[in-house]
């Protein structure tokens, strides 16, 4: 069976060149804002029909 997604040696070199700056240079720390709704029991027990608008998402 042939590996259909293997990038080959040249491909790995290109990938390494593109990924290297991300790994070796300092990156800004991400800032996340999480709506408190996601900590609620209503959200934890929600099914696929959960209506986010009913729980005060303020238009987000």
PDB file of N, CA and C in Angstrom:
ATOM      1  N   UNK A   1       0.844  -1.177   0.000  1.00  0.00           N
ATOM      2  CA  UNK A   1       0.000   0.000   0.000  1.00  0.00           C
ATOM      3  C   UNK A   1       0.893   1.245   0.000  1.00  0.00           C
ATOM      4  N   UNK A   2       0.554   2.208  -0.802  1.00  0.00           N
ATOM      5  CA  UNK A   2       1.336   3.428  -0.921  1.00  0.00           C
ATOM      6  C   UNK A   2       0.793   4.501   0.010  1.00  0.00           C
ATOM      7  N   UNK A   3       1.704   5.210   0.650  1.00  0.00           N
ATOM      8  CA  UNK A   3       1.326   6.329   1.507  1.00  0.00           C
ATOM      9  C   UNK A   3       1.012   7.510   0.602  1.00  0.00           C
ATOM     10  N   UNK A   4      -0.246   7.886   0.498  1.00  0.00           N
ATOM     11  CA  UNK A   4      -0.660   8.918  -0.460  1.00  0.00           C
ATOM     12  C   UNK A   4      -0.446  10.336   0.038  1.00  0.00           C
ATOM     13  N   UNK A   5      -0.156  10.513   1.330  1.00  0.00           N
ATOM     14  CA  UNK A   5       0.003  11.874   1.834  1.00  0.00           C
ATOM     15  C   UNK A   5       1.446  12.190   2.220  1.00  0.00           C
ATOM     16  N   UNK A   6       2.360  11.287   1.968  1.00  0.00           N
ATOM     17  CA  UNK A   6       3.754  11.534   2.325  1.00  0.00           C
ATOM     18  C   UNK A   6       4.316  12.633   1.430  1.00  0.00           C
ATOM     19  N   UNK A   7       4.858  13.702   2.015  1.00  0.00           N
ATOM     20  CA  UNK A   7       5.340  14.827   1.206  1.00  0.00           C
ATOM     21  C   UNK A   7       6.691  14.581   0.544  1.00  0.00           C
ATOM     22  N   UNK A   8       7.361  13.493   0.870  1.00  0.00           N
ATOM     23  CA  UNK A   8       8.680  13.243   0.291  1.00  0.00           C
ATOM     24  C   UNK A   8       9.744  14.066   1.008  1.00  0.00           C
ATOM     25  N   UNK A   9      11.010  13.806   0.661  1.00  0.00           N
ATOM     26  CA  UNK A   9      12.106  14.490   1.354  1.00  0.00           C
ATOM     27  C   UNK A   9      12.102  15.986   1.100  1.00  0.00           C
ATOM     28  N   UNK A  10      11.861  16.384  -0.116  1.00  0.00           N
ATOM     29  CA  UNK A  10      11.819  17.822  -0.419  1.00  0.00           C
ATOM     30  C   UNK A  10      10.639  18.488   0.282  1.00  0.00           C
ATOM     31  N   UNK A  11       9.545  17.779   0.348  1.00  0.00           N
ATOM     32  CA  UNK A  11       8.371  18.301   1.040  1.00  0.00           C
ATOM     33  C   UNK A  11       8.628  18.495   2.526  1.00  0.00           C
ATOM     34  N   UNK A  12       9.293  17.502   3.140  1.00  0.00           N
ATOM     35  CA  UNK A  12       9.619  17.634   4.566  1.00  0.00           C
ATOM     36  C   UNK A  12      10.551  18.807   4.803  1.00  0.00           C
ATOM     37  N   UNK A  13      11.485  19.035   3.883  1.00  0.00           N
ATOM     38  CA  UNK A  13      12.392  20.174   4.008  1.00  0.00           C
ATOM     39  C   UNK A  13      11.610  21.481   3.961  1.00  0.00           C
ATOM     40  N   UNK A  14      10.674  21.596   3.027  1.00  0.00           N
ATOM     41  CA  UNK A  14       9.844  22.806   2.928  1.00  0.00           C
ATOM     42  C   UNK A  14       8.996  22.997   4.186  1.00  0.00           C
ATOM     43  N   UNK A  15       8.420  21.914   4.664  1.00  0.00           N
ATOM     44  CA  UNK A  15       7.617  21.991   5.888  1.00  0.00           C
ATOM     45  C   UNK A  15       8.484  22.465   7.048  1.00  0.00           C
ATOM     46  N   UNK A  16       9.676  21.886   7.170  1.00  0.00           N
ATOM     47  CA  UNK A  16      10.585  22.264   8.244  1.00  0.00           C
ATOM     48  C   UNK A  16      10.951  23.740   8.165  1.00  0.00           C
ATOM     49  N   UNK A  17      11.187  24.246   6.962  1.00  0.00           N
ATOM     50  CA  UNK A  17      11.542  25.655   6.787  1.00  0.00           C
ATOM     51  C   UNK A  17      10.388  26.575   7.179  1.00  0.00           C
ATOM     52  N   UNK A  18       9.173  26.177   6.891  1.00  0.00           N
ATOM     53  CA  UNK A  18       8.004  27.002   7.223  1.00  0.00           C
ATOM     54  C   UNK A  18       7.662  26.937   8.714  1.00  0.00           C
ATOM     55  N   UNK A  19       7.837  25.787   9.332  1.00  0.00           N
ATOM     56  CA  UNK A  19       7.474  25.597  10.731  1.00  0.00           C
ATOM     57  C   UNK A  19       8.556  26.141  11.674  1.00  0.00           C
ATOM     58  N   UNK A  20       9.803  26.126  11.249  1.00  0.00           N
ATOM     59  CA  UNK A  20      10.921  26.523  12.106  1.00  0.00           C
ATOM     60  C   UNK A  20      10.734  27.882  12.781  1.00  0.00           C
ATOM     61  N   UNK A  21      10.367  28.953  12.069  1.00  0.00           N
ATOM     62  CA  UNK A  21      10.198  30.239  12.757  1.00  0.00           C
ATOM     63  C   UNK A  21       9.128  30.194  13.855  1.00  0.00           C
ATOM     64  N   UNK A  22       8.094  29.430  13.630  1.00  0.00           N
ATOM     65  CA  UNK A  22       7.031  29.302  14.627  1.00  0.00           C
ATOM     66  C   UNK A  22       7.548  28.644  15.902  1.00  0.00           C
ATOM     67  N   UNK A  23       8.458  27.704  15.746  1.00  0.00           N
ATOM     68  CA  UNK A  23       8.971  26.968  16.899  1.00  0.00           C
ATOM     69  C   UNK A  23      10.157  27.646  17.575  1.00  0.00           C
ATOM     70  N   UNK A  24      10.938  28.409  16.829  1.00  0.00           N
ATOM     71  CA  UNK A  24      12.172  28.965  17.383  1.00  0.00           C
ATOM     72  C   UNK A  24      12.067  30.425  17.797  1.00  0.00           C
ATOM     73  N   UNK A  25      11.069  31.144  17.321  1.00  0.00           N
ATOM     74  CA  UNK A  25      10.914  32.554  17.676  1.00  0.00           C
ATOM     75  C   UNK A  25       9.804  32.711  18.703  1.00  0.00           C
ATOM     76  N   UNK A  26       9.979  33.692  19.568  1.00  0.00           N
ATOM     77  CA  UNK A  26       8.992  33.964  20.619  1.00  0.00           C
ATOM     78  C   UNK A  26       7.658  34.357  19.984  1.00  0.00           C
ATOM     79  N   UNK A  27       6.600  33.741  20.459  1.00  0.00           N
ATOM     80  CA  UNK A  27       5.253  34.018  19.975  1.00  0.00           C
ATOM     81  C   UNK A  27       4.476  34.761  21.056  1.00  0.00           C
ATOM     82  N   UNK A  28       3.622  35.651  20.634  1.00  0.00           N
ATOM     83  CA  UNK A  28       2.756  36.345  21.588  1.00  0.00           C
ATOM     84  C   UNK A  28       1.790  35.345  22.219  1.00  0.00           C
ATOM     85  N   UNK A  29       1.578  35.487  23.507  1.00  0.00           N
ATOM     86  CA  UNK A  29       0.645  34.600  24.204  1.00  0.00           C
ATOM     87  C   UNK A  29      -0.777  34.934  23.775  1.00  0.00           C
ATOM     88  N   UNK A  30      -1.577  33.930  23.471  1.00  0.00           N
ATOM     89  CA  UNK A  30      -2.960  34.201  23.078  1.00  0.00           C
ATOM     90  C   UNK A  30      -3.789  34.682  24.270  1.00  0.00           C
ATOM     91  N   UNK A  31      -4.790  35.463  23.984  1.00  0.00           N
ATOM     92  CA  UNK A  31      -5.713  35.938  25.017  1.00  0.00           C
ATOM     93  C   UNK A  31      -7.100  35.409  24.667  1.00  0.00           C
ATOM     94  N   UNK A  32      -7.663  34.625  25.555  1.00  0.00           N
ATOM     95  CA  UNK A  32      -8.966  34.039  25.318  1.00  0.00           C
ATOM     96  C   UNK A  32     -10.008  34.691  26.217  1.00  0.00           C
ATOM     97  N   UNK A  33     -11.172  34.926  25.661  1.00  0.00           N
ATOM     98  CA  UNK A  33     -12.310  35.385  26.434  1.00  0.00           C
ATOM     99  C   UNK A  33     -13.380  34.309  26.311  1.00  0.00           C
ATOM    100  N   UNK A  34     -13.736  33.710  27.423  1.00  0.00           N
ATOM    101  CA  UNK A  34     -14.711  32.626  27.409  1.00  0.00           C
ATOM    102  C   UNK A  34     -15.982  33.102  28.097  1.00  0.00           C
ATOM    103  N   UNK A  35     -17.082  33.004  27.385  1.00  0.00           N
ATOM    104  CA  UNK A  35     -18.382  33.381  27.928  1.00  0.00           C
ATOM    105  C   UNK A  35     -18.709  32.475  29.115  1.00  0.00           C
ATOM    106  N   UNK A  36     -19.152  33.054  30.219  1.00  0.00           N
ATOM    107  CA  UNK A  36     -19.497  32.276  31.409  1.00  0.00           C
ATOM    108  C   UNK A  36     -20.586  31.244  31.147  1.00  0.00           C
ATOM    109  N   UNK A  37     -21.361  31.419  30.096  1.00  0.00           N
ATOM    110  CA  UNK A  37     -22.387  30.442  29.743  1.00  0.00           C
ATOM    111  C   UNK A  37     -21.786  29.045  29.588  1.00  0.00           C
ATOM    112  N   UNK A  38     -20.574  28.973  29.075  1.00  0.00           N
ATOM    113  CA  UNK A  38     -19.967  27.671  28.826  1.00  0.00           C
ATOM    114  C   UNK A  38     -19.631  26.916  30.110  1.00  0.00           C
ATOM    115  N   UNK A  39     -19.703  27.593  31.251  1.00  0.00           N
ATOM    116  CA  UNK A  39     -19.493  26.941  32.536  1.00  0.00           C
ATOM    117  C   UNK A  39     -20.812  26.552  33.200  1.00  0.00           C
ATOM    118  N   UNK A  40     -21.928  26.916  32.599  1.00  0.00           N
ATOM    119  CA  UNK A  40     -23.232  26.691  33.222  1.00  0.00           C
ATOM    120  C   UNK A  40     -23.696  25.240  33.072  1.00  0.00           C
ATOM    121  N   UNK A  41     -24.571  24.833  33.974  1.00  0.00           N
ATOM    122  CA  UNK A  41     -25.176  23.497  33.890  1.00  0.00           C
ATOM    123  C   UNK A  41     -26.002  23.366  32.614  1.00  0.00           C
ATOM    124  N   UNK A  42     -26.673  24.471  32.222  1.00  0.00           N
ATOM    125  CA  UNK A  42     -27.494  24.430  31.007  1.00  0.00           C
ATOM    126  C   UNK A  42     -26.637  24.063  29.797  1.00  0.00           C
ATOM    127  N   UNK A  43     -25.456  24.623  29.714  1.00  0.00           N
ATOM    128  CA  UNK A  43     -24.575  24.329  28.581  1.00  0.00           C
ATOM    129  C   UNK A  43     -24.017  22.906  28.696  1.00  0.00           C
ATOM    130  N   UNK A  44     -23.642  22.513  29.896  1.00  0.00           N
ATOM    131  CA  UNK A  44     -23.066  21.184  30.090  1.00  0.00           C
ATOM    132  C   UNK A  44     -24.042  20.082  29.721  1.00  0.00           C
ATOM    133  N   UNK A  45     -25.327  20.340  29.945  1.00  0.00           N
ATOM    134  CA  UNK A  45     -26.332  19.312  29.704  1.00  0.00           C
ATOM    135  C   UNK A  45     -27.122  19.562  28.427  1.00  0.00           C
ATOM    136  N   UNK A  46     -26.660  20.486  27.607  1.00  0.00           N
ATOM    137  CA  UNK A  46     -27.393  20.860  26.399  1.00  0.00           C
ATOM    138  C   UNK A  46     -27.346  19.753  25.351  1.00  0.00           C
ATOM    139  N   UNK A  47     -28.426  19.691  24.577  1.00  0.00           N
ATOM    140  CA  UNK A  47     -28.440  18.771  23.450  1.00  0.00           C
ATOM    141  C   UNK A  47     -28.212  19.581  22.171  1.00  0.00           C
ATOM    142  N   UNK A  48     -28.396  18.965  21.045  1.00  0.00           N
ATOM    143  CA  UNK A  48     -28.132  19.625  19.766  1.00  0.00           C
ATOM    144  C   UNK A  48     -29.064  20.800  19.499  1.00  0.00           C
ATOM    145  N   UNK A  49     -30.204  20.851  20.186  1.00  0.00           N
ATOM    146  CA  UNK A  49     -31.175  21.926  19.966  1.00  0.00           C
ATOM    147  C   UNK A  49     -30.985  23.100  20.927  1.00  0.00           C
ATOM    148  N   UNK A  50     -29.876  23.162  21.633  1.00  0.00           N
ATOM    149  CA  UNK A  50     -29.614  24.233  22.596  1.00  0.00           C
ATOM    150  C   UNK A  50     -29.689  25.582  21.893  1.00  0.00           C
ATOM    151  N   UNK A  51     -30.492  26.489  22.455  1.00  0.00           N
ATOM    152  CA  UNK A  51     -30.648  27.823  21.873  1.00  0.00           C
ATOM    153  C   UNK A  51     -29.783  28.805  22.658  1.00  0.00           C
ATOM    154  N   UNK A  52     -28.648  29.104  22.118  1.00  0.00           N
ATOM    155  CA  UNK A  52     -27.680  29.994  22.769  1.00  0.00           C
ATOM    156  C   UNK A  52     -28.277  31.371  23.028  1.00  0.00           C
ATOM    157  N   UNK A  53     -29.140  31.843  22.143  1.00  0.00           N
ATOM    158  CA  UNK A  53     -29.726  33.181  22.275  1.00  0.00           C
ATOM    159  C   UNK A  53     -30.605  33.322  23.517  1.00  0.00           C
ATOM    160  N   UNK A  54     -31.185  32.244  23.980  1.00  0.00           N
ATOM    161  CA  UNK A  54     -32.052  32.303  25.158  1.00  0.00           C
ATOM    162  C   UNK A  54     -31.280  32.525  26.450  1.00  0.00           C
ATOM    163  N   UNK A  55     -29.986  32.358  26.428  1.00  0.00           N
ATOM    164  CA  UNK A  55     -29.203  32.427  27.652  1.00  0.00           C
ATOM    165  C   UNK A  55     -28.334  33.672  27.740  1.00  0.00           C
ATOM    166  N   UNK A  56     -28.781  34.761  27.119  1.00  0.00           N
ATOM    167  CA  UNK A  56     -28.137  36.055  27.303  1.00  0.00           C
ATOM    168  C   UNK A  56     -26.754  36.175  26.720  1.00  0.00           C
ATOM    169  N   UNK A  57     -26.599  35.823  25.456  1.00  0.00           N
ATOM    170  CA  UNK A  57     -25.281  35.937  24.849  1.00  0.00           C
ATOM    171  C   UNK A  57     -24.975  37.354  24.378  1.00  0.00           C
ATOM    172  N   UNK A  58     -25.897  38.279  24.568  1.00  0.00           N
ATOM    173  CA  UNK A  58     -25.692  39.690  24.223  1.00  0.00           C
ATOM    174  C   UNK A  58     -25.278  39.902  22.769  1.00  0.00           C
ATOM    175  N   UNK A  59     -25.843  39.134  21.879  1.00  0.00           N
ATOM    176  CA  UNK A  59     -25.598  39.336  20.455  1.00  0.00           C
ATOM    177  C   UNK A  59     -24.292  38.776  19.935  1.00  0.00           C
ATOM    178  N   UNK A  60     -23.602  37.971  20.743  1.00  0.00           N
ATOM    179  CA  UNK A  60     -22.338  37.395  20.270  1.00  0.00           C
ATOM    180  C   UNK A  60     -22.570  36.222  19.389  1.00  0.00           C
TER     181      UNK A  60
END
